[in-house]
Amino acid sequence: MKKLAAFVGATIGGWLGWWLGAKVGIMTAFMVSMVGTGLGIYLAVRFARQYES
């Protein structure tokens, strides 16, 4: 379950970061996307650990 949560978190976080960064430029989009990916993984795995049975 944690791996699936990490994948979904990375996908959503990366997409959101790209969307926000693209308003400035392509390199900013890439950098913000990397931060969003890491943050998405962290939050999703933390959420999965909290609610696993």
Protein backbone atom coordinates (compact mmCIF):
# COMPACT_ATOMS: atom_id res chain seq x y z
CA MET A 1 0.00 0.00 0.00
CA LYS A 2 2.87 2.38 0.77
CA LYS A 3 4.36 1.94 -2.69
CA LEU A 4 1.06 2.71 -4.37
CA ALA A 5 0.59 5.75 -2.14
CA ALA A 6 4.13 6.92 -2.97
CA PHE A 7 3.45 6.55 -6.70
CA VAL A 8 0.18 8.47 -6.52
CA GLY A 9 1.74 11.14 -4.29
CA ALA A 10 4.69 11.56 -6.65
CA THR A 11 2.40 11.85 -9.66
CA ILE A 12 0.10 14.43 -8.10
CA GLY A 13 2.92 16.37 -6.44
CA GLY A 14 5.00 16.46 -9.61
CA TRP A 15 2.06 17.54 -11.73
CA LEU A 16 1.08 20.27 -9.29
CA GLY A 17 4.67 21.50 -9.07
CA TRP A 18 5.01 21.57 -12.85
CA TRP A 19 1.73 23.43 -13.22
CA LEU A 20 2.80 26.08 -10.70
CA GLY A 21 6.35 26.43 -12.03
CA ALA A 22 5.29 26.60 -15.68
CA LYS A 23 3.82 30.03 -15.02
CA VAL A 24 7.42 31.30 -14.67
CA GLY A 25 9.39 29.16 -17.12
CA ILE A 26 10.44 25.66 -18.13
CA MET A 27 13.42 25.40 -15.76
CA THR A 28 11.38 26.69 -12.85
CA ALA A 29 8.68 24.16 -13.74
CA PHE A 30 11.25 21.36 -13.59
CA MET A 31 12.68 22.44 -10.24
CA VAL A 32 9.30 23.02 -8.60
CA SER A 33 8.14 19.69 -10.01
CA MET A 34 11.04 17.89 -8.30
CA VAL A 35 10.16 19.53 -4.99
CA GLY A 36 6.50 18.65 -5.50
CA THR A 37 7.39 15.04 -6.27
CA GLY A 38 9.39 14.68 -3.07
CA LEU A 39 6.75 16.39 -0.99
CA GLY A 40 4.02 14.27 -2.56
CA ILE A 41 5.89 11.06 -1.76
CA TYR A 42 6.53 12.15 1.81
CA LEU A 43 2.93 13.15 2.51
CA ALA A 44 1.40 10.12 0.78
CA VAL A 45 3.59 7.60 2.62
CA ARG A 46 2.97 9.37 5.91
CA PHE A 47 -0.76 9.21 5.23
CA ALA A 48 -0.57 5.50 4.30
CA ARG A 49 1.38 4.64 7.45
CA GLN A 50 -1.11 6.46 9.62
CA TYR A 51 -4.10 4.60 8.18
CA GLU A 52 -2.69 1.13 7.57
CA SER A 53 -4.25 -1.62 9.62
